[in-house]
Amino acid sequence: MDTRAGEDSYWGERGRSVTLHRLAMHTFYDLDRHAGQADIVRESIDGAAGLQAGNSNLPDGVDWSAYCAKVEAAARAAE
């Protein structure tokens, strides 16, 4: 593994000696964390949940519309 370090001014002192490995891991972590948020946006647009049409990955008996309405009401109440 290449351990040469570079500098990332965005991270201030923590970025003075940062490796490509650390930058890559940070990027992958952020992508993984935000992928769930992208799913939430997509689900709110198309009204579907899960990986694909016909496979919601939700337990039987879940009322997705009621759940969405409950979450939206909570968000509006928090404004």
N, C-alpha and C. Protein backbone atom coordinates (compact mmCIF):
# COMPACT_ATOMS: atom_id res chain seq x y z
N MET A 1 0.85 -1.18 0.00
CA MET A 1 0.00 0.00 0.00
C MET A 1 0.89 1.24 0.00
N ASP A 2 0.50 2.21 -0.79
CA ASP A 2 1.24 3.46 -0.87
C ASP A 2 0.87 4.33 0.33
N THR A 3 1.84 4.74 1.10
CA THR A 3 1.56 5.53 2.31
C THR A 3 2.00 6.98 2.18
N ARG A 4 2.30 7.40 0.96
CA ARG A 4 2.67 8.81 0.79
C ARG A 4 1.49 9.69 1.17
N ALA A 5 1.76 10.80 1.79
CA ALA A 5 0.71 11.69 2.28
C ALA A 5 0.62 12.94 1.42
N GLY A 6 -0.57 13.48 1.37
CA GLY A 6 -0.81 14.74 0.70
C GLY A 6 -1.37 15.72 1.72
N GLU A 7 -1.96 16.78 1.23
CA GLU A 7 -2.53 17.79 2.12
C GLU A 7 -3.91 18.16 1.63
N ASP A 8 -4.83 18.25 2.56
CA ASP A 8 -6.20 18.66 2.25
C ASP A 8 -6.52 19.87 3.11
N SER A 9 -6.52 21.04 2.52
CA SER A 9 -6.70 22.28 3.30
C SER A 9 -8.10 22.36 3.92
N TYR A 10 -9.07 21.68 3.36
CA TYR A 10 -10.43 21.72 3.90
C TYR A 10 -10.47 21.17 5.33
N TRP A 11 -9.65 20.17 5.62
CA TRP A 11 -9.64 19.54 6.94
C TRP A 11 -8.74 20.28 7.93
N GLY A 12 -8.15 21.38 7.54
CA GLY A 12 -7.30 22.14 8.46
C GLY A 12 -6.11 21.32 8.93
N GLU A 13 -5.81 21.38 10.22
CA GLU A 13 -4.66 20.66 10.77
C GLU A 13 -4.78 19.15 10.58
N ARG A 14 -6.01 18.61 10.65
CA ARG A 14 -6.19 17.16 10.47
C ARG A 14 -5.83 16.73 9.06
N GLY A 15 -5.88 17.65 8.11
CA GLY A 15 -5.60 17.31 6.72
C GLY A 15 -4.16 17.57 6.30
N ARG A 16 -3.30 17.89 7.25
CA ARG A 16 -1.90 18.19 6.92
C ARG A 16 -1.16 16.98 6.38
N SER A 17 -1.50 15.81 6.83
CA SER A 17 -0.79 14.61 6.40
C SER A 17 -1.82 13.50 6.16
N VAL A 18 -2.55 13.63 5.07
CA VAL A 18 -3.63 12.70 4.79
C VAL A 18 -3.25 11.81 3.60
N THR A 19 -3.56 10.52 3.72
CA THR A 19 -3.24 9.58 2.64
C THR A 19 -4.43 9.44 1.70
N LEU A 20 -4.17 8.94 0.51
CA LEU A 20 -5.24 8.68 -0.44
C LEU A 20 -6.22 7.65 0.15
N HIS A 21 -5.69 6.69 0.88
CA HIS A 21 -6.55 5.69 1.52
C HIS A 21 -7.56 6.36 2.45
N ARG A 22 -7.08 7.29 3.27
CA ARG A 22 -7.98 7.97 4.21
C ARG A 22 -9.02 8.79 3.46
N LEU A 23 -8.61 9.48 2.40
CA LEU A 23 -9.56 10.27 1.62
C LEU A 23 -10.60 9.37 0.97
N ALA A 24 -10.14 8.22 0.42
CA ALA A 24 -11.07 7.29 -0.22
C ALA A 24 -12.06 6.73 0.80
N MET A 25 -11.57 6.33 1.95
CA MET A 25 -12.46 5.77 2.98
C MET A 25 -13.47 6.81 3.46
N HIS A 26 -13.03 8.05 3.61
CA HIS A 26 -13.93 9.13 4.01
C HIS A 26 -15.03 9.31 2.95
N THR A 27 -14.63 9.29 1.68
CA THR A 27 -15.59 9.44 0.58
C THR A 27 -16.58 8.30 0.54
N PHE A 28 -16.09 7.06 0.66
CA PHE A 28 -16.98 5.89 0.65
C PHE A 28 -17.96 5.94 1.82
N TYR A 29 -17.47 6.35 2.99
CA TYR A 29 -18.32 6.45 4.16
C TYR A 29 -19.44 7.46 3.92
N ASP A 30 -19.08 8.63 3.38
CA ASP A 30 -20.08 9.66 3.10
C ASP A 30 -21.09 9.18 2.07
N LEU A 31 -20.62 8.51 1.02
CA LEU A 31 -21.54 8.00 0.00
C LEU A 31 -22.51 7.00 0.60
N ASP A 32 -22.00 6.11 1.44
CA ASP A 32 -22.85 5.10 2.07
C ASP A 32 -23.89 5.77 2.97
N ARG A 33 -23.46 6.74 3.72
CA ARG A 33 -24.37 7.42 4.66
C ARG A 33 -25.46 8.17 3.91
N HIS A 34 -25.11 8.82 2.81
CA HIS A 34 -26.07 9.65 2.09
C HIS A 34 -26.91 8.86 1.11
N ALA A 35 -26.53 7.63 0.79
CA ALA A 35 -27.33 6.81 -0.12
C ALA A 35 -28.72 6.59 0.47
N GLY A 36 -28.80 6.39 1.77
CA GLY A 36 -30.10 6.22 2.42
C GLY A 36 -30.95 7.46 2.29
N GLN A 37 -30.33 8.62 2.37
CA GLN A 37 -31.07 9.86 2.22
C GLN A 37 -31.59 10.01 0.79
N ALA A 38 -30.80 9.57 -0.18
CA ALA A 38 -31.24 9.61 -1.58
C ALA A 38 -32.44 8.70 -1.78
N ASP A 39 -32.46 7.55 -1.12
CA ASP A 39 -33.60 6.65 -1.20
C ASP A 39 -34.86 7.32 -0.66
N ILE A 40 -34.71 8.06 0.42
CA ILE A 40 -35.86 8.75 1.00
C ILE A 40 -36.43 9.75 0.00
N VAL A 41 -35.55 10.49 -0.68
CA VAL A 41 -35.99 11.47 -1.68
C VAL A 41 -36.69 10.74 -2.83
N ARG A 42 -36.08 9.67 -3.33
CA ARG A 42 -36.68 8.93 -4.44
C ARG A 42 -38.03 8.36 -4.04
N GLU A 43 -38.11 7.80 -2.83
CA GLU A 43 -39.37 7.22 -2.37
C GLU A 43 -40.45 8.29 -2.25
N SER A 44 -40.08 9.50 -1.85
CA SER A 44 -41.08 10.56 -1.73
C SER A 44 -41.55 11.04 -3.10
N ILE A 45 -40.70 10.88 -4.11
CA ILE A 45 -41.07 11.31 -5.46
C ILE A 45 -41.95 10.26 -6.14
N ASP A 46 -41.52 9.00 -6.13
CA ASP A 46 -42.27 7.99 -6.87
C ASP A 46 -43.27 7.22 -6.01
N GLY A 47 -43.27 7.46 -4.69
CA GLY A 47 -44.25 6.85 -3.83
C GLY A 47 -44.02 5.37 -3.55
N ALA A 48 -42.92 4.82 -4.03
CA ALA A 48 -42.63 3.40 -3.83
C ALA A 48 -41.51 3.25 -2.82
N ALA A 49 -41.48 2.10 -2.20
CA ALA A 49 -40.42 1.79 -1.25
C ALA A 49 -39.73 0.52 -1.70
N GLY A 50 -38.48 0.37 -1.36
CA GLY A 50 -37.77 -0.87 -1.66
C GLY A 50 -36.90 -0.78 -2.90
N LEU A 51 -36.39 -1.93 -3.30
CA LEU A 51 -35.42 -1.98 -4.38
C LEU A 51 -36.03 -1.85 -5.77
N GLN A 52 -37.22 -2.43 -5.96
CA GLN A 52 -37.82 -2.44 -7.30
C GLN A 52 -39.33 -2.61 -7.18
N ALA A 53 -40.02 -2.31 -8.26
CA ALA A 53 -41.47 -2.46 -8.27
C ALA A 53 -41.82 -3.93 -7.99
N GLY A 54 -42.80 -4.13 -7.14
CA GLY A 54 -43.21 -5.49 -6.81
C GLY A 54 -42.38 -6.13 -5.71
N ASN A 55 -41.35 -5.47 -5.24
CA ASN A 55 -40.51 -5.99 -4.16
C ASN A 55 -40.20 -4.84 -3.21
N SER A 56 -41.13 -4.55 -2.32
CA SER A 56 -40.99 -3.38 -1.45
C SER A 56 -40.02 -3.60 -0.29
N ASN A 57 -39.72 -4.85 0.04
CA ASN A 57 -38.87 -5.17 1.19
C ASN A 57 -39.49 -4.76 2.50
N LEU A 58 -40.77 -4.39 2.48
CA LEU A 58 -41.47 -4.02 3.70
C LEU A 58 -42.22 -5.23 4.24
N PRO A 59 -42.35 -5.33 5.56
CA PRO A 59 -43.12 -6.44 6.13
C PRO A 59 -44.57 -6.39 5.64
N ASP A 60 -45.21 -7.52 5.55
CA ASP A 60 -46.61 -7.58 5.15
C ASP A 60 -47.46 -6.74 6.10
N GLY A 61 -48.44 -6.06 5.53
CA GLY A 61 -49.37 -5.28 6.34
C GLY A 61 -48.94 -3.86 6.63
N VAL A 62 -47.80 -3.43 6.10
CA VAL A 62 -47.34 -2.06 6.34
C VAL A 62 -48.10 -1.13 5.41
N ASP A 63 -48.72 -0.10 5.97
CA ASP A 63 -49.43 0.91 5.18
C ASP A 63 -48.44 2.04 4.88
N TRP A 64 -47.77 1.95 3.74
CA TRP A 64 -46.71 2.89 3.38
C TRP A 64 -47.23 4.32 3.31
N SER A 65 -48.42 4.53 2.73
CA SER A 65 -48.96 5.89 2.63
C SER A 65 -49.22 6.49 4.00
N ALA A 66 -49.76 5.69 4.92
CA ALA A 66 -50.01 6.20 6.27
C ALA A 66 -48.70 6.53 6.97
N TYR A 67 -47.69 5.70 6.77
CA TYR A 67 -46.39 5.96 7.38
C TYR A 67 -45.81 7.27 6.84
N CYS A 68 -45.86 7.45 5.53
CA CYS A 68 -45.34 8.70 4.92
C CYS A 68 -46.09 9.91 5.47
N ALA A 69 -47.41 9.80 5.60
CA ALA A 69 -48.21 10.91 6.13
C ALA A 69 -47.82 11.22 7.57
N LYS A 70 -47.55 10.19 8.36
CA LYS A 70 -47.15 10.38 9.75
C LYS A 70 -45.79 11.09 9.83
N VAL A 71 -44.84 10.68 9.00
CA VAL A 71 -43.52 11.31 8.99
C VAL A 71 -43.62 12.75 8.54
N GLU A 72 -44.42 13.00 7.48
CA GLU A 72 -44.57 14.37 7.01
C GLU A 72 -45.23 15.26 8.05
N ALA A 73 -46.23 14.75 8.75
CA ALA A 73 -46.89 15.52 9.81
C ALA A 73 -45.91 15.87 10.92
N ALA A 74 -45.06 14.93 11.28
CA ALA A 74 -44.06 15.19 12.32
C ALA A 74 -43.06 16.25 11.86
N ALA A 75 -42.68 16.19 10.59
CA ALA A 75 -41.74 17.19 10.06
C ALA A 75 -42.36 18.58 10.05
N ARG A 76 -43.63 18.65 9.65
CA ARG A 76 -44.30 19.96 9.62
C ARG A 76 -44.47 20.51 11.05
N ALA A 77 -44.76 19.64 11.98
CA ALA A 77 -44.93 20.08 13.38
C ALA A 77 -43.61 20.59 13.96
N ALA A 78 -42.49 20.09 13.45
CA ALA A 78 -41.18 20.50 13.96
C ALA A 78 -40.71 21.82 13.36
N GLU A 79 -41.39 22.31 12.33
CA GLU A 79 -40.96 23.57 11.68
C GLU A 79 -41.03 24.74 12.60
